[in-house]
């Protein structure tokens, strides 16, 4: 049994047997989970996400407040129209009688 790799052909002497050139490490990704700059980058992304969610929520609040004000305005107009119709109806009844 062969425990150690040995060259069998003359051509193999140019090959790297240690395989140290096979793995390539990306300098940004060699940081571990406890790396502070990686944690800071993650937190910055989280803050951006929350800021976007906040902006969307503020837009929705504005929309629903505006909707509520329009609804209240329409209710008041409707009550005013009802009152005018009742007054005109009462005048017509008095004229007819």
C-alpha atoms as a PDB file:
ATOM      1  CA  UNK A   1       0.000   0.000   0.000  1.00  0.00           C
ATOM      2  CA  UNK A   2       1.232   3.434  -0.923  1.00  0.00           C
ATOM      3  CA  UNK A   3       1.087   5.988   1.930  1.00  0.00           C
ATOM      4  CA  UNK A   4       2.982   8.731   0.193  1.00  0.00           C
ATOM      5  CA  UNK A   5       2.450  10.004  -3.303  1.00  0.00           C
ATOM      6  CA  UNK A   6       5.484   9.616  -5.444  1.00  0.00           C
ATOM      7  CA  UNK A   7       6.171  10.619  -8.994  1.00  0.00           C
ATOM      8  CA  UNK A   8       5.742   7.841 -11.466  1.00  0.00           C
ATOM      9  CA  UNK A   9       6.506   9.793 -14.632  1.00  0.00           C
ATOM     10  CA  UNK A  10       9.048  12.468 -15.459  1.00  0.00           C
ATOM     11  CA  UNK A  11       6.289  14.875 -16.511  1.00  0.00           C
ATOM     12  CA  UNK A  12       4.771  14.908 -13.012  1.00  0.00           C
ATOM     13  CA  UNK A  13       7.743  16.793 -11.555  1.00  0.00           C
ATOM     14  CA  UNK A  14       6.240  20.057 -12.793  1.00  0.00           C
ATOM     15  CA  UNK A  15       2.946  19.455 -11.010  1.00  0.00           C
ATOM     16  CA  UNK A  16       2.260  20.822  -7.565  1.00  0.00           C
ATOM     17  CA  UNK A  17       1.577  17.836  -5.341  1.00  0.00           C
ATOM     18  CA  UNK A  18       0.742  19.881  -2.263  1.00  0.00           C
ATOM     19  CA  UNK A  19      -2.462  21.197  -3.841  1.00  0.00           C
ATOM     20  CA  UNK A  20      -1.971  24.538  -2.141  1.00  0.00           C
ATOM     21  CA  UNK A  21      -2.922  26.372  -5.306  1.00  0.00           C
ATOM     22  CA  UNK A  22      -6.251  24.574  -5.638  1.00  0.00           C
ATOM     23  CA  UNK A  23      -8.229  26.532  -3.072  1.00  0.00           C
ATOM     24  CA  UNK A  24      -8.820  30.185  -3.683  1.00  0.00           C
ATOM     25  CA  UNK A  25      -9.954  32.364  -0.806  1.00  0.00           C
ATOM     26  CA  UNK A  26     -12.038  35.456  -1.437  1.00  0.00           C
ATOM     27  CA  UNK A  27     -10.569  38.145   0.867  1.00  0.00           C
ATOM     28  CA  UNK A  28     -13.998  39.476   1.785  1.00  0.00           C
ATOM     29  CA  UNK A  29     -15.463  36.097   2.618  1.00  0.00           C
ATOM     30  CA  UNK A  30     -12.684  34.824   4.837  1.00  0.00           C
ATOM     31  CA  UNK A  31     -14.118  36.798   7.730  1.00  0.00           C
ATOM     32  CA  UNK A  32     -15.771  34.779  10.419  1.00  0.00           C
ATOM     33  CA  UNK A  33     -19.177  35.456  11.981  1.00  0.00           C
ATOM     34  CA  UNK A  34     -17.558  37.382  14.848  1.00  0.00           C
ATOM     35  CA  UNK A  35     -15.841  39.891  12.559  1.00  0.00           C
ATOM     36  CA  UNK A  36     -16.987  43.386  13.571  1.00  0.00           C
ATOM     37  CA  UNK A  37     -16.965  44.889  10.083  1.00  0.00           C
ATOM     38  CA  UNK A  38     -19.168  42.047   8.850  1.00  0.00           C
ATOM     39  CA  UNK A  39     -21.558  42.602  11.770  1.00  0.00           C
ATOM     40  CA  UNK A  40     -21.609  46.358  11.095  1.00  0.00           C
ATOM     41  CA  UNK A  41     -22.375  45.771   7.416  1.00  0.00           C
ATOM     42  CA  UNK A  42     -25.213  43.442   8.378  1.00  0.00           C
ATOM     43  CA  UNK A  43     -26.619  45.963  10.840  1.00  0.00           C
ATOM     44  CA  UNK A  44     -26.428  48.753   8.247  1.00  0.00           C
ATOM     45  CA  UNK A  45     -28.459  46.628   5.850  1.00  0.00           C
ATOM     46  CA  UNK A  46     -30.974  45.938   8.615  1.00  0.00           C
ATOM     47  CA  UNK A  47     -31.267  49.662   9.343  1.00  0.00           C
ATOM     48  CA  UNK A  48     -31.857  50.405   5.656  1.00  0.00           C
ATOM     49  CA  UNK A  49     -34.570  47.752   5.567  1.00  0.00           C
ATOM     50  CA  UNK A  50     -36.294  49.199   8.636  1.00  0.00           C
ATOM     51  CA  UNK A  51     -36.056  52.724   7.219  1.00  0.00           C
ATOM     52  CA  UNK A  52     -37.776  51.569   4.036  1.00  0.00           C
ATOM     53  CA  UNK A  53     -40.477  49.816   6.073  1.00  0.00           C
ATOM     54  CA  UNK A  54     -40.946  53.012   8.109  1.00  0.00           C
ATOM     55  CA  UNK A  55     -41.293  55.140   4.956  1.00  0.00           C
ATOM     56  CA  UNK A  56     -43.874  52.728   3.574  1.00  0.00           C
ATOM     57  CA  UNK A  57     -45.803  52.759   6.853  1.00  0.00           C
ATOM     58  CA  UNK A  58     -45.773  56.579   6.914  1.00  0.00           C
ATOM     59  CA  UNK A  59     -47.157  56.654   3.370  1.00  0.00           C
ATOM     60  CA  UNK A  60     -49.924  54.272   4.377  1.00  0.00           C
ATOM     61  CA  UNK A  61     -50.750  56.321   7.485  1.00  0.00           C
ATOM     62  CA  UNK A  62     -50.979  59.463   5.346  1.00  0.00           C
ATOM     63  CA  UNK A  63     -53.236  57.683   2.839  1.00  0.00           C
ATOM     64  CA  UNK A  64     -55.611  56.346   5.493  1.00  0.00           C
ATOM     65  CA  UNK A  65     -55.775  59.668   7.350  1.00  0.00           C
ATOM     66  CA  UNK A  66     -56.630  61.419   4.100  1.00  0.00           C
ATOM     67  CA  UNK A  67     -59.227  58.740   3.379  1.00  0.00           C
ATOM     68  CA  UNK A  68     -60.705  59.205   6.852  1.00  0.00           C
ATOM     69  CA  UNK A  69     -60.926  62.995   6.441  1.00  0.00           C
ATOM     70  CA  UNK A  70     -62.594  62.605   3.038  1.00  0.00           C
ATOM     71  CA  UNK A  71     -65.039  60.122   4.520  1.00  0.00           C
ATOM     72  CA  UNK A  72     -65.913  62.498   7.372  1.00  0.00           C
ATOM     73  CA  UNK A  73     -66.352  65.352   4.887  1.00  0.00           C
ATOM     74  CA  UNK A  74     -68.706  63.222   2.803  1.00  0.00           C
ATOM     75  CA  UNK A  75     -70.717  62.266   5.893  1.00  0.00           C
ATOM     76  CA  UNK A  76     -71.148  65.945   6.780  1.00  0.00           C
ATOM     77  CA  UNK A  77     -72.220  66.777   3.213  1.00  0.00           C
ATOM     78  CA  UNK A  78     -74.722  63.936   3.262  1.00  0.00           C
ATOM     79  CA  UNK A  79     -76.219  65.157   6.544  1.00  0.00           C
ATOM     80  CA  UNK A  80     -76.453  68.671   5.095  1.00  0.00           C
ATOM     81  CA  UNK A  81     -78.188  67.421   1.964  1.00  0.00           C
ATOM     82  CA  UNK A  82     -80.611  65.350   4.056  1.00  0.00           C
ATOM     83  CA  UNK A  83     -81.472  68.410   6.107  1.00  0.00           C
ATOM     84  CA  UNK A  84     -82.061  70.514   2.970  1.00  0.00           C
ATOM     85  CA  UNK A  85     -84.271  67.772   1.488  1.00  0.00           C
ATOM     86  CA  UNK A  86     -86.292  67.509   4.715  1.00  0.00           C
ATOM     87  CA  UNK A  87     -86.776  71.294   4.859  1.00  0.00           C
ATOM     88  CA  UNK A  88     -87.873  71.477   1.213  1.00  0.00           C
ATOM     89  CA  UNK A  89     -90.204  68.508   1.697  1.00  0.00           C
ATOM     90  CA  UNK A  90     -91.764  70.187   4.747  1.00  0.00           C
ATOM     91  CA  UNK A  91     -92.294  73.424   2.778  1.00  0.00           C
ATOM     92  CA  UNK A  92     -93.943  71.514  -0.071  1.00  0.00           C
ATOM     93  CA  UNK A  93     -96.286  69.732   2.332  1.00  0.00           C
ATOM     94  CA  UNK A  94     -97.303  73.041   3.926  1.00  0.00           C
ATOM     95  CA  UNK A  95     -98.000  74.554   0.489  1.00  0.00           C
ATOM     96  CA  UNK A  96    -100.088  71.587  -0.583  1.00  0.00           C
ATOM     97  CA  UNK A  97    -102.204  71.619   2.516  1.00  0.00           C
END
